[in-house]
Amino acid sequence: MRPQNIGRALGIGVRIAGRIAGQRIAGSAQSASSAPHVNGQSVEAANRVAQVQSQARAAANIAAQTSRGVSKGIGGFLRPFRRVGGIVWLEVTGTFFLLFAALFALRLWQSWSGIGQISRDLSIGAAVVFFYLGVTSFWRARHR
């Protein structure tokens, strides 16, 4: 089973279990209100349950609305920094790539005659790949 299918199956199972639990709670509240009343206690208990449920829904709505407002506000505040942060990130990674390219080139230069052909080819390849990654990272930063 693929990971997407596992997540989908778990999500469907959680939704179904929540629906069943909600139906059972609603059913028990209805049966409590239709049960024989002893000194009016069943009606009072059902009213308290309904009142607590409505207060919980109202609190959940307020919390969701506040959360949406805060996320919109933070998103609006951070929007200008996203572009600059992306450019800085590209420049930092480009610097590290060029640093590694320089280290491979230096290693190659210092031991040109002392290393074998395979090791020399690997050093050249690594230096070229890191040089390419560093240059393209700066290129992307410039075009942002």
C-alpha atoms as a PDB file:
ATOM      1  CA  MET A   1       0.000   0.000   0.000  1.00  0.00           C
ATOM      2  CA  ARG A   2       1.434   3.386  -0.981  1.00  0.00           C
ATOM      3  CA  PRO A   3       1.869   6.132   1.665  1.00  0.00           C
ATOM      4  CA  GLN A   4      -0.819   8.288   0.025  1.00  0.00           C
ATOM      5  CA  ASN A   5      -3.316   5.463   0.348  1.00  0.00           C
ATOM      6  CA  ILE A   6      -2.430   4.875   4.001  1.00  0.00           C
ATOM      7  CA  GLY A   7      -3.005   8.540   4.834  1.00  0.00           C
ATOM      8  CA  ARG A   8      -6.247   8.575   2.889  1.00  0.00           C
ATOM      9  CA  ALA A   9      -7.484   5.417   4.639  1.00  0.00           C
ATOM     10  CA  LEU A  10      -6.578   6.831   8.061  1.00  0.00           C
ATOM     11  CA  GLY A  11      -8.301  10.121   7.270  1.00  0.00           C
ATOM     12  CA  ILE A  12     -11.459   8.374   6.112  1.00  0.00           C
ATOM     13  CA  GLY A  13     -11.421   6.145   9.193  1.00  0.00           C
ATOM     14  CA  VAL A  14     -11.061   9.116  11.533  1.00  0.00           C
ATOM     15  CA  ARG A  15     -13.931  10.949   9.824  1.00  0.00           C
ATOM     16  CA  ILE A  16     -16.193   7.911  10.038  1.00  0.00           C
ATOM     17  CA  ALA A  17     -15.316   7.321  13.704  1.00  0.00           C
ATOM     18  CA  GLY A  18     -16.035  10.981  14.473  1.00  0.00           C
ATOM     19  CA  ARG A  19     -19.379  10.786  12.710  1.00  0.00           C
ATOM     20  CA  ILE A  20     -20.326   7.620  14.607  1.00  0.00           C
ATOM     21  CA  ALA A  21     -19.288   9.170  17.935  1.00  0.00           C
ATOM     22  CA  GLY A  22     -21.321  12.296  17.167  1.00  0.00           C
ATOM     23  CA  GLN A  23     -24.372  10.203  16.316  1.00  0.00           C
ATOM     24  CA  ARG A  24     -24.046   8.197  19.516  1.00  0.00           C
ATOM     25  CA  ILE A  25     -23.697  11.353  21.619  1.00  0.00           C
ATOM     26  CA  ALA A  26     -26.728  12.878  19.918  1.00  0.00           C
ATOM     27  CA  GLY A  27     -28.639   9.627  20.392  1.00  0.00           C
ATOM     28  CA  SER A  28     -27.769   9.448  24.075  1.00  0.00           C
ATOM     29  CA  ALA A  29     -28.826  13.065  24.566  1.00  0.00           C
ATOM     30  CA  GLN A  30     -32.160  12.327  22.877  1.00  0.00           C
ATOM     31  CA  SER A  31     -32.714   9.159  24.911  1.00  0.00           C
ATOM     32  CA  ALA A  32     -31.876  11.042  28.110  1.00  0.00           C
ATOM     33  CA  SER A  33     -34.450  13.706  27.293  1.00  0.00           C
ATOM     34  CA  SER A  34     -37.086  11.103  26.437  1.00  0.00           C
ATOM     35  CA  ALA A  35     -36.304   8.985  29.513  1.00  0.00           C
ATOM     36  CA  PRO A  36     -38.696   9.016  32.430  1.00  0.00           C
ATOM     37  CA  HIS A  37     -38.149  12.100  34.529  1.00  0.00           C
ATOM     38  CA  VAL A  38     -37.423  11.739  38.179  1.00  0.00           C
ATOM     39  CA  ASN A  39     -37.877  15.102  39.888  1.00  0.00           C
ATOM     40  CA  GLY A  40     -36.940  16.819  36.573  1.00  0.00           C
ATOM     41  CA  GLN A  41     -33.270  15.771  36.744  1.00  0.00           C
ATOM     42  CA  SER A  42     -33.100  14.215  33.247  1.00  0.00           C
ATOM     43  CA  VAL A  43     -34.389  17.351  31.588  1.00  0.00           C
ATOM     44  CA  GLU A  44     -31.937  19.485  33.520  1.00  0.00           C
ATOM     45  CA  ALA A  45     -29.051  17.197  32.596  1.00  0.00           C
ATOM     46  CA  ALA A  46     -30.018  17.274  28.919  1.00  0.00           C
ATOM     47  CA  ASN A  47     -30.275  21.069  29.036  1.00  0.00           C
ATOM     48  CA  ARG A  48     -26.832  21.311  30.652  1.00  0.00           C
ATOM     49  CA  VAL A  49     -25.338  19.027  27.998  1.00  0.00           C
ATOM     50  CA  ALA A  50     -26.912  21.092  25.215  1.00  0.00           C
ATOM     51  CA  GLN A  51     -25.709  24.309  26.819  1.00  0.00           C
ATOM     52  CA  VAL A  52     -22.154  23.000  27.216  1.00  0.00           C
ATOM     53  CA  GLN A  53     -22.151  21.780  23.608  1.00  0.00           C
ATOM     54  CA  SER A  54     -23.300  25.161  22.293  1.00  0.00           C
ATOM     55  CA  GLN A  55     -20.660  26.941  24.392  1.00  0.00           C
ATOM     56  CA  ALA A  56     -17.998  24.567  23.083  1.00  0.00           C
ATOM     57  CA  ARG A  57     -19.072  25.231  19.474  1.00  0.00           C
ATOM     58  CA  ALA A  58     -19.000  28.984  20.066  1.00  0.00           C
ATOM     59  CA  ALA A  59     -15.526  28.777  21.619  1.00  0.00           C
ATOM     60  CA  ALA A  60     -14.289  26.641  18.717  1.00  0.00           C
ATOM     61  CA  ASN A  61     -15.656  29.162  16.204  1.00  0.00           C
ATOM     62  CA  ILE A  62     -13.969  32.043  18.023  1.00  0.00           C
ATOM     63  CA  ALA A  63     -10.675  30.144  18.198  1.00  0.00           C
ATOM     64  CA  ALA A  64     -10.809  29.274  14.483  1.00  0.00           C
ATOM     65  CA  GLN A  65     -11.620  32.857  13.534  1.00  0.00           C
ATOM     66  CA  THR A  66      -8.786  34.186  15.709  1.00  0.00           C
ATOM     67  CA  SER A  67      -6.379  31.646  14.247  1.00  0.00           C
ATOM     68  CA  ARG A  68      -7.297  32.652  10.688  1.00  0.00           C
ATOM     69  CA  GLY A  69      -6.861  36.327  11.544  1.00  0.00           C
ATOM     70  CA  VAL A  70      -3.459  35.774  13.144  1.00  0.00           C
ATOM     71  CA  SER A  71      -2.216  33.665  10.236  1.00  0.00           C
ATOM     72  CA  LYS A  72      -3.374  36.309   7.736  1.00  0.00           C
ATOM     73  CA  GLY A  73      -1.662  39.028   9.736  1.00  0.00           C
ATOM     74  CA  ILE A  74       1.617  37.136  10.049  1.00  0.00           C
ATOM     75  CA  GLY A  75       1.484  36.187   6.377  1.00  0.00           C
ATOM     76  CA  GLY A  76       0.972  39.805   5.382  1.00  0.00           C
ATOM     77  CA  PHE A  77       3.825  40.921   7.605  1.00  0.00           C
ATOM     78  CA  LEU A  78       6.263  38.282   6.323  1.00  0.00           C
ATOM     79  CA  ARG A  79       5.351  38.536   2.622  1.00  0.00           C
ATOM     80  CA  PRO A  80       8.031  41.176   1.778  1.00  0.00           C
ATOM     81  CA  PHE A  81      10.685  39.171   3.612  1.00  0.00           C
ATOM     82  CA  ARG A  82       9.947  35.993   1.657  1.00  0.00           C
ATOM     83  CA  ARG A  83      11.568  37.338  -1.520  1.00  0.00           C
ATOM     84  CA  VAL A  84      14.590  38.701   0.295  1.00  0.00           C
ATOM     85  CA  GLY A  85      14.920  35.532   2.365  1.00  0.00           C
ATOM     86  CA  GLY A  86      14.858  33.419  -0.788  1.00  0.00           C
ATOM     87  CA  ILE A  87      17.581  35.511  -2.379  1.00  0.00           C
ATOM     88  CA  VAL A  88      19.755  35.342   0.734  1.00  0.00           C
ATOM     89  CA  TRP A  89      19.221  31.577   0.952  1.00  0.00           C
ATOM     90  CA  LEU A  90      20.338  31.134  -2.664  1.00  0.00           C
ATOM     91  CA  GLU A  91      23.424  33.268  -2.062  1.00  0.00           C
ATOM     92  CA  VAL A  92      24.384  31.357   1.100  1.00  0.00           C
ATOM     93  CA  THR A  93      24.000  27.970  -0.583  1.00  0.00           C
ATOM     94  CA  GLY A  94      25.904  29.254  -3.603  1.00  0.00           C
ATOM     95  CA  THR A  95      28.735  30.340  -1.328  1.00  0.00           C
ATOM     96  CA  PHE A  96      28.919  26.888   0.264  1.00  0.00           C
ATOM     97  CA  PHE A  97      28.863  25.190  -3.138  1.00  0.00           C
ATOM     98  CA  LEU A  98      31.689  27.423  -4.391  1.00  0.00           C
ATOM     99  CA  LEU A  99      33.617  26.756  -1.175  1.00  0.00           C
ATOM    100  CA  PHE A 100      33.380  23.007  -1.749  1.00  0.00           C
ATOM    101  CA  ALA A 101      34.358  23.468  -5.409  1.00  0.00           C
ATOM    102  CA  ALA A 102      37.425  25.427  -4.296  1.00  0.00           C
ATOM    103  CA  LEU A 103      38.337  22.720  -1.767  1.00  0.00           C
ATOM    104  CA  PHE A 104      38.111  19.980  -4.395  1.00  0.00           C
ATOM    105  CA  ALA A 105      40.136  22.081  -6.850  1.00  0.00           C
ATOM    106  CA  LEU A 106      42.768  22.807  -4.186  1.00  0.00           C
ATOM    107  CA  ARG A 107      43.004  19.109  -3.292  1.00  0.00           C
ATOM    108  CA  LEU A 108      43.385  18.315  -6.971  1.00  0.00           C
ATOM    109  CA  TRP A 109      46.077  20.973  -7.441  1.00  0.00           C
ATOM    110  CA  GLN A 110      48.102  19.896  -4.394  1.00  0.00           C
ATOM    111  CA  SER A 111      48.199  16.233  -5.276  1.00  0.00           C
ATOM    112  CA  TRP A 112      48.010  16.248  -9.080  1.00  0.00           C
ATOM    113  CA  SER A 113      50.896  13.863  -9.579  1.00  0.00           C
ATOM    114  CA  GLY A 114      50.408  11.819  -6.390  1.00  0.00           C
ATOM    115  CA  ILE A 115      46.910  10.500  -7.002  1.00  0.00           C
ATOM    116  CA  GLY A 116      45.581   7.897  -9.383  1.00  0.00           C
ATOM    117  CA  GLN A 117      43.491   8.468 -12.483  1.00  0.00           C
ATOM    118  CA  ILE A 118      40.169   7.476 -10.851  1.00  0.00           C
ATOM    119  CA  SER A 119      40.721   9.715  -7.846  1.00  0.00           C
ATOM    120  CA  ARG A 120      41.740  12.575 -10.171  1.00  0.00           C
ATOM    121  CA  ASP A 121      38.609  12.127 -12.281  1.00  0.00           C
ATOM    122  CA  LEU A 122      36.386  12.068  -9.191  1.00  0.00           C
ATOM    123  CA  SER A 123      37.994  15.258  -7.855  1.00  0.00           C
ATOM    124  CA  ILE A 124      37.554  16.997 -11.204  1.00  0.00           C
ATOM    125  CA  GLY A 125      33.939  15.845 -11.430  1.00  0.00           C
ATOM    126  CA  ALA A 126      33.109  16.967  -7.887  1.00  0.00           C
ATOM    127  CA  ALA A 127      34.777  20.344  -8.427  1.00  0.00           C
ATOM    128  CA  VAL A 128      32.862  20.889 -11.677  1.00  0.00           C
ATOM    129  CA  VAL A 129      29.510  19.859 -10.160  1.00  0.00           C
ATOM    130  CA  PHE A 130      29.926  22.081  -7.100  1.00  0.00           C
ATOM    131  CA  PHE A 131      31.128  24.979  -9.272  1.00  0.00           C
ATOM    132  CA  TYR A 132      28.041  24.588 -11.485  1.00  0.00           C
ATOM    133  CA  LEU A 133      25.713  24.471  -8.463  1.00  0.00           C
ATOM    134  CA  GLY A 134      27.349  27.552  -6.925  1.00  0.00           C
ATOM    135  CA  VAL A 135      27.203  29.611 -10.109  1.00  0.00           C
ATOM    136  CA  THR A 136      23.601  28.669 -10.889  1.00  0.00           C
ATOM    137  CA  SER A 137      22.585  29.469  -7.315  1.00  0.00           C
ATOM    138  CA  PHE A 138      23.964  32.994  -7.667  1.00  0.00           C
ATOM    139  CA  TRP A 139      22.379  33.211 -11.139  1.00  0.00           C
ATOM    140  CA  ARG A 140      18.963  32.361  -9.706  1.00  0.00           C
ATOM    141  CA  ALA A 141      19.437  34.868  -6.881  1.00  0.00           C
ATOM    142  CA  ARG A 142      20.234  37.601  -9.365  1.00  0.00           C
ATOM    143  CA  HIS A 143      17.151  36.869 -11.464  1.00  0.00           C
ATOM    144  CA  ARG A 144      14.811  36.998  -8.471  1.00  0.00           C
END
